[in-house]
Amino acid sequence: MDRTLIYSAAALALDDVPDARAPRLLTVEAYQARPQSYVTETAAGLIARLAAHPGALFVPTTTRTREQYLRIRLPGPAPRYAICANGGHLLVEGATDEEWHAGVRRRLAADCAPLAEVKAHLARSADAAWLLKERDAEGLFAYLVVERALMPESWPEELADWAAPLGWTVSLQGRKLYAVPRPLTKSAAVAEIARRVGAGTVLSAGDSLLDTDLLLAADRGWRPGHGELAAAGWGAPHVTALSDRGVRAGERILGAFLEAVDGAAQDGAQDGARGAGRNGARVGAPGGAQGAARGSAGDPAGAAGSAPRPRAAR
């Protein structure tokens, strides 16, 4: 969600816009009584439409902890599902699915070095001259808040080389450097939601290394013109690389989600009408009026009837 759909003041990337023409912003998160994250008014309307769309399941998907995620107040209906802690927590109606979480814990214990070992290495190798904070994310992964200008450029790569044989990956996003177990993925949680609701198509978006599995697992994806993936020139045949940066990229991504969902709904309505003409009864089609499961924030959405519905992913 961060730097894909919602943006801090530092990430808005509106430096090229005259003040008198800057887009109006809506606050979607407060922290310690101060505004923290924003969307444009246009993006707010698109989120509300997507969250209420009868042919989409909008599933917010984030590396944030549950506490950090629950500070966010998006426009529109509250999402039925959400994914936090990079897939470590699957929320249903705002509550953790404990069976899913227990399964994640078992996989991490079996496949990766323990978090304590990684945290100890971070503490030894990080320099107090540029290390601002150390954080444990719900006992699943760790991250550091750093002063980028003072941190050696080679340090994240050196850390990644050390972590890889232990089953961990490293991602640098703004001032935060994440160390995350490789099996802890957003795509696994998305696949579980898709299975539960009978999703046919997954749409996704993301800007960081920790989003690559989500983008690769989706049927269609989008990445903004900023972030780790853009800096690395990362791409895939089904992933659209946008040139838009900052909060305006969020608008473009939401518009693309809605265009895809609306297109599927129109196709479904046409297919249903043809079925009714031949068979004397309406056929439920993807995203059509007879389509079933409705949408939530950021991941798959499924449809009942003769075909599955599109989903909007993170």
Protein backbone atom coordinates (compact mmCIF):
# COMPACT_ATOMS: atom_id res chain seq x y z
CA MET A 1 0.00 0.00 0.00
CA ASP A 2 2.69 2.53 0.99
CA ARG A 3 4.18 4.31 -2.02
CA THR A 4 1.76 2.42 -4.27
CA LEU A 5 -1.71 3.57 -3.18
CA ILE A 6 -1.00 5.80 -0.16
CA TYR A 7 1.86 8.27 0.30
CA SER A 8 3.65 10.13 3.07
CA ALA A 9 4.36 13.83 2.61
CA ALA A 10 7.96 12.99 1.67
CA ALA A 11 6.82 10.52 -1.02
CA LEU A 12 4.21 12.67 -2.79
CA ALA A 13 6.65 13.66 -5.59
CA LEU A 14 4.86 16.90 -6.43
CA ASP A 15 7.98 19.03 -6.79
CA ASP A 16 7.26 19.62 -10.48
CA VAL A 17 3.73 20.92 -9.83
CA PRO A 18 3.16 24.65 -9.13
CA ASP A 19 1.66 25.13 -5.68
CA ALA A 20 -1.50 26.65 -7.15
CA ARG A 21 -2.06 23.52 -9.26
CA ALA A 22 -1.15 20.87 -6.69
CA PRO A 23 -3.85 18.21 -6.30
CA ARG A 24 -6.09 18.35 -3.24
CA LEU A 25 -5.14 15.63 -0.75
CA LEU A 26 -7.15 13.50 1.65
CA THR A 27 -5.52 12.26 4.86
CA VAL A 28 -5.96 8.49 5.22
CA GLU A 29 -3.68 7.92 8.22
CA ALA A 30 -2.78 9.77 11.40
CA TYR A 31 0.07 8.88 13.75
CA GLN A 32 0.59 10.51 17.15
CA ALA A 33 -2.17 13.00 16.30
CA ARG A 34 -0.45 14.12 13.08
CA PRO A 35 -1.39 13.43 9.44
CA GLN A 36 0.82 10.65 8.14
CA SER A 37 -0.39 9.33 4.76
CA TYR A 38 -2.39 10.78 1.91
CA VAL A 39 -4.17 10.10 -1.36
CA THR A 40 -5.44 12.63 -3.86
CA GLU A 41 -9.15 13.39 -3.84
CA THR A 42 -9.36 11.69 -7.24
CA ALA A 43 -7.66 8.56 -5.87
CA ALA A 44 -10.01 8.58 -2.88
CA GLY A 45 -13.00 8.42 -5.20
CA LEU A 46 -11.42 5.58 -7.18
CA ILE A 47 -10.70 3.58 -4.00
CA ALA A 48 -14.31 3.98 -2.88
CA ARG A 49 -15.58 2.80 -6.27
CA LEU A 50 -13.23 -0.16 -6.33
CA ALA A 51 -14.04 -1.22 -2.76
CA ALA A 52 -17.78 -1.15 -3.52
CA HIS A 53 -17.56 -2.68 -7.01
CA PRO A 54 -19.79 -5.76 -7.39
CA GLY A 55 -17.21 -7.38 -9.67
CA ALA A 56 -14.08 -6.95 -7.55
CA LEU A 57 -12.61 -7.94 -4.21
CA PHE A 58 -10.31 -5.15 -3.01
CA VAL A 59 -7.73 -6.51 -0.55
CA PRO A 60 -5.24 -4.09 1.07
CA THR A 61 -1.86 -5.83 1.12
CA THR A 62 1.11 -4.49 3.05
CA THR A 63 4.35 -5.18 4.86
CA ARG A 64 3.01 -3.09 7.73
CA THR A 65 2.24 -4.73 11.06
CA ARG A 66 -1.40 -5.06 12.05
CA GLU A 67 -1.17 -2.07 14.36
CA GLN A 68 0.33 0.08 11.61
CA TYR A 69 -2.23 -1.09 9.05
CA LEU A 70 -5.21 -0.44 11.34
CA ARG A 71 -4.26 3.24 11.52
CA ILE A 72 -5.25 3.58 7.85
CA ARG A 73 -8.78 4.70 7.01
CA LEU A 74 -9.48 4.23 3.32
CA PRO A 75 -12.60 5.62 1.64
CA GLY A 76 -15.48 3.27 0.89
CA PRO A 77 -16.65 0.08 2.59
CA ALA A 78 -14.30 -1.60 5.06
CA PRO A 79 -12.40 -4.44 3.34
CA ARG A 80 -13.53 -7.96 4.15
CA TYR A 81 -9.95 -9.22 3.84
CA ALA A 82 -6.55 -7.59 4.36
CA ILE A 83 -2.98 -8.90 4.35
CA CYS A 84 -0.43 -7.56 6.85
CA ALA A 85 3.18 -8.29 7.84
CA ASN A 86 4.05 -9.28 4.26
CA GLY A 87 1.62 -12.19 4.40
CA GLY A 88 2.20 -13.21 7.99
CA HIS A 89 -1.28 -12.11 9.03
CA LEU A 90 -4.44 -12.63 7.01
CA LEU A 91 -7.21 -10.45 8.44
CA VAL A 92 -10.86 -11.42 8.06
CA GLU A 93 -13.26 -8.64 9.07
CA GLY A 94 -10.31 -7.02 10.87
CA ALA A 95 -9.30 -10.09 12.94
CA THR A 96 -6.33 -12.41 12.42
CA ASP A 97 -7.01 -15.82 10.92
CA GLU A 98 -5.14 -17.80 13.57
CA GLU A 99 -4.97 -21.01 11.53
CA TRP A 100 -3.29 -19.18 8.64
CA HIS A 101 -0.85 -17.46 11.00
CA ALA A 102 0.09 -20.74 12.71
CA GLY A 103 0.84 -22.28 9.32
CA VAL A 104 3.10 -19.35 8.44
CA ARG A 105 5.01 -19.78 11.70
CA ARG A 106 5.57 -23.48 10.98
CA ARG A 107 6.92 -22.76 7.49
CA LEU A 108 9.33 -20.13 8.74
CA ALA A 109 10.63 -22.37 11.52
CA ALA A 110 11.23 -25.19 9.05
CA ASP A 111 12.83 -23.21 6.21
CA CYS A 112 14.68 -20.19 7.65
CA ALA A 113 17.25 -19.18 10.24
CA PRO A 114 15.55 -17.78 13.35
CA LEU A 115 14.71 -14.11 13.63
CA ALA A 116 16.96 -13.78 16.70
CA GLU A 117 20.02 -14.70 14.62
CA VAL A 118 19.20 -12.08 11.99
CA LYS A 119 18.50 -9.38 14.57
CA ALA A 120 21.80 -10.10 16.29
CA HIS A 121 23.66 -9.71 12.99
CA LEU A 122 21.86 -6.44 12.26
CA ALA A 123 22.83 -5.09 15.67
CA ARG A 124 26.48 -6.06 15.15
CA SER A 125 26.88 -4.77 11.62
CA ALA A 126 24.79 -1.57 11.61
CA ASP A 127 26.63 1.63 12.53
CA ALA A 128 25.20 3.96 15.16
CA ALA A 129 26.27 6.86 12.95
CA TRP A 130 23.41 6.13 10.52
CA LEU A 131 21.13 3.72 12.41
CA LEU A 132 18.09 5.53 13.81
CA LYS A 133 15.82 2.70 15.01
CA GLU A 134 15.65 -1.09 15.19
CA ARG A 135 12.24 -2.75 14.97
CA ASP A 136 10.82 -6.27 15.40
CA ALA A 137 7.69 -6.73 13.25
CA GLU A 138 5.42 -9.02 15.26
CA GLY A 139 8.17 -11.60 15.71
CA LEU A 140 8.12 -12.34 11.96
CA PHE A 141 10.81 -10.08 10.50
CA ALA A 142 12.99 -7.10 11.37
CA TYR A 143 13.58 -3.68 9.91
CA LEU A 144 15.86 -0.72 10.53
CA VAL A 145 15.19 2.98 10.12
CA VAL A 146 18.36 4.50 8.70
CA GLU A 147 19.83 7.81 7.61
CA ARG A 148 20.28 7.01 3.91
CA ALA A 149 22.79 9.80 3.25
CA LEU A 150 25.18 8.40 5.87
CA MET A 151 24.69 4.67 5.30
CA PRO A 152 27.30 3.10 2.97
CA GLU A 153 25.68 2.26 -0.37
CA SER A 154 27.24 -1.21 -0.31
CA TRP A 155 25.83 -2.20 3.09
CA PRO A 156 22.36 -3.40 1.97
CA GLU A 157 23.93 -5.59 -0.72
CA GLU A 158 26.42 -7.03 1.74
CA LEU A 159 23.58 -7.75 4.16
CA ALA A 160 21.59 -9.43 1.38
CA ASP A 161 24.55 -11.68 0.52
CA TRP A 162 24.85 -12.71 4.17
CA ALA A 163 21.09 -13.30 4.57
CA ALA A 164 20.42 -15.29 1.39
CA PRO A 165 21.94 -18.64 2.54
CA LEU A 166 19.84 -18.34 5.72
CA GLY A 167 16.60 -18.11 3.76
CA TRP A 168 16.14 -14.36 4.24
CA THR A 169 15.81 -11.46 1.80
CA VAL A 170 16.64 -7.74 2.16
CA SER A 171 14.73 -4.74 0.83
CA LEU A 172 15.55 -1.03 1.14
CA GLN A 173 12.49 1.24 0.92
CA GLY A 174 13.07 4.89 1.63
CA ARG A 175 14.60 5.10 5.11
CA LYS A 176 13.56 1.55 6.04
CA LEU A 177 15.69 -1.51 5.46
CA TYR A 178 13.77 -4.79 5.81
CA ALA A 179 15.11 -8.27 6.55
CA VAL A 180 12.32 -10.74 5.75
CA PRO A 181 12.19 -14.57 5.62
CA ARG A 182 11.95 -15.66 1.99
CA PRO A 183 8.82 -17.84 2.51
CA LEU A 184 6.96 -14.90 4.08
CA THR A 185 5.21 -13.60 0.97
CA LYS A 186 2.19 -11.54 0.05
CA SER A 187 1.45 -13.82 -2.89
CA ALA A 188 0.85 -16.84 -0.64
CA ALA A 189 -1.79 -14.95 1.33
CA VAL A 190 -3.35 -13.63 -1.88
CA ALA A 191 -3.55 -17.17 -3.24
CA GLU A 192 -5.34 -18.29 -0.07
CA ILE A 193 -7.94 -15.52 -0.39
CA ALA A 194 -8.37 -16.30 -4.07
CA ARG A 195 -9.01 -19.94 -3.16
CA ARG A 196 -11.57 -19.02 -0.51
CA VAL A 197 -13.60 -16.70 -2.71
CA GLY A 198 -13.15 -18.56 -5.99
CA ALA A 199 -11.17 -15.79 -7.65
CA GLY A 200 -10.49 -16.09 -11.33
CA THR A 201 -8.21 -13.11 -12.03
CA VAL A 202 -5.75 -11.29 -9.77
CA LEU A 203 -4.67 -7.69 -10.40
CA SER A 204 -1.75 -6.34 -8.38
CA ALA A 205 0.55 -3.36 -7.99
CA GLY A 206 3.72 -2.67 -6.04
CA ASP A 207 6.94 -0.70 -6.02
CA SER A 208 9.41 -2.70 -3.91
CA LEU A 209 11.46 -5.88 -3.96
CA LEU A 210 9.00 -7.36 -1.46
CA ASP A 211 6.24 -6.93 -4.06
CA THR A 212 7.88 -8.96 -6.83
CA ASP A 213 6.28 -12.26 -5.82
CA LEU A 214 2.85 -10.58 -5.75
CA LEU A 215 3.37 -9.03 -9.17
CA LEU A 216 4.67 -12.26 -10.69
CA ALA A 217 1.79 -14.31 -9.29
CA ALA A 218 -0.88 -11.93 -10.62
CA ASP A 219 -2.57 -12.12 -14.00
CA ARG A 220 -1.87 -8.43 -14.55
CA GLY A 221 0.28 -6.00 -12.59
CA TRP A 222 1.44 -2.40 -12.46
CA ARG A 223 4.49 -0.75 -10.93
CA PRO A 224 5.01 3.00 -10.48
CA GLY A 225 7.92 5.00 -11.85
CA HIS A 226 9.53 5.22 -8.40
CA GLY A 227 10.78 2.70 -5.85
CA GLU A 228 13.16 -0.25 -5.80
CA LEU A 229 11.69 -1.99 -8.83
CA ALA A 230 11.79 1.12 -11.02
CA ALA A 231 15.36 1.89 -9.93
CA ALA A 232 16.39 -1.65 -10.89
CA GLY A 233 14.50 -1.52 -14.20
CA TRP A 234 12.57 -4.60 -13.11
CA GLY A 235 9.75 -5.83 -15.30
CA ALA A 236 7.71 -8.77 -16.49
CA PRO A 237 5.59 -9.28 -19.63
CA HIS A 238 2.29 -8.90 -17.78
CA VAL A 239 3.43 -6.00 -15.56
CA THR A 240 2.94 -2.44 -16.84
CA ALA A 241 5.80 -0.10 -15.90
CA LEU A 242 4.31 3.35 -15.37
CA SER A 243 6.30 6.55 -15.76
CA ASP A 244 4.13 8.30 -13.16
CA ARG A 245 5.80 8.87 -9.80
CA GLY A 246 4.51 9.60 -6.33
CA VAL A 247 0.89 10.17 -5.45
CA ARG A 248 -0.08 10.59 -9.12
CA ALA A 249 1.07 7.02 -9.75
CA GLY A 250 -1.49 5.92 -7.18
CA GLU A 251 -4.23 7.52 -9.27
CA ARG A 252 -3.02 5.78 -12.42
CA ILE A 253 -2.89 2.37 -10.72
CA LEU A 254 -6.40 2.70 -9.28
CA GLY A 255 -7.70 3.85 -12.65
CA ALA A 256 -6.11 0.82 -14.29
CA PHE A 257 -7.69 -1.52 -11.73
CA LEU A 258 -11.14 -0.06 -12.35
CA GLU A 259 -10.73 -0.12 -16.11
CA ALA A 260 -9.83 -3.82 -15.94
CA VAL A 261 -12.70 -4.65 -13.59
CA ASP A 262 -15.26 -2.63 -15.57
CA GLY A 263 -14.07 -4.23 -18.81
CA ALA A 264 -14.56 -7.68 -17.35
CA ALA A 265 -18.01 -6.69 -16.10
CA GLN A 266 -19.04 -5.52 -19.58
CA ASP A 267 -17.73 -8.70 -21.16
CA GLY A 268 -19.59 -10.73 -18.55
CA ALA A 269 -22.85 -8.88 -19.19
CA GLN A 270 -22.54 -9.50 -22.93
CA ASP A 271 -21.79 -13.19 -22.39
CA GLY A 272 -24.75 -13.44 -20.00
CA ALA A 273 -27.09 -11.84 -22.53
CA ARG A 274 -25.94 -14.25 -25.24
CA GLY A 275 -26.48 -17.16 -22.86
CA ALA A 276 -30.01 -15.94 -22.03
CA GLY A 277 -30.83 -15.62 -25.70
CA ARG A 278 -29.76 -19.18 -26.40
CA ASN A 279 -30.94 -20.89 -23.24
CA GLY A 280 -33.84 -18.79 -22.06
CA ALA A 281 -32.09 -18.01 -18.74
CA ARG A 282 -29.49 -15.47 -17.66
CA VAL A 283 -25.99 -16.85 -17.18
CA GLY A 284 -23.88 -15.35 -14.38
CA ALA A 285 -20.57 -14.12 -15.83
CA PRO A 286 -17.38 -12.53 -14.50
CA GLY A 287 -18.19 -9.23 -12.85
CA GLY A 288 -21.69 -9.21 -14.33
CA ALA A 289 -24.86 -8.43 -12.44
CA GLN A 290 -25.18 -12.08 -11.49
CA GLY A 291 -21.54 -12.44 -10.46
CA ALA A 292 -21.04 -13.45 -6.85
CA ALA A 293 -18.23 -12.64 -4.43
CA ARG A 294 -17.70 -8.91 -4.07
CA GLY A 295 -14.48 -7.02 -3.48
CA SER A 296 -12.02 -5.94 -0.83
CA ALA A 297 -8.76 -4.02 -0.90
CA GLY A 298 -5.68 -4.78 -2.96
CA ASP A 299 -5.86 -8.40 -4.12
CA PRO A 300 -8.14 -10.97 -5.84
CA ALA A 301 -11.87 -10.80 -6.30
CA GLY A 302 -13.88 -13.77 -7.39
CA ALA A 303 -17.18 -14.20 -9.11
CA ALA A 304 -19.80 -16.85 -9.00
CA GLY A 305 -21.77 -17.97 -11.98
CA SER A 306 -20.41 -19.46 -15.12
CA ALA A 307 -17.00 -17.83 -14.80
CA PRO A 308 -14.76 -16.28 -12.11
CA ARG A 309 -14.53 -12.55 -11.47
CA PRO A 310 -11.55 -10.20 -11.58
CA ARG A 311 -9.76 -9.17 -8.44
CA ALA A 312 -7.91 -6.03 -7.61
CA ALA A 313 -4.72 -6.79 -5.76
CA ARG A 314 -2.54 -4.65 -3.57
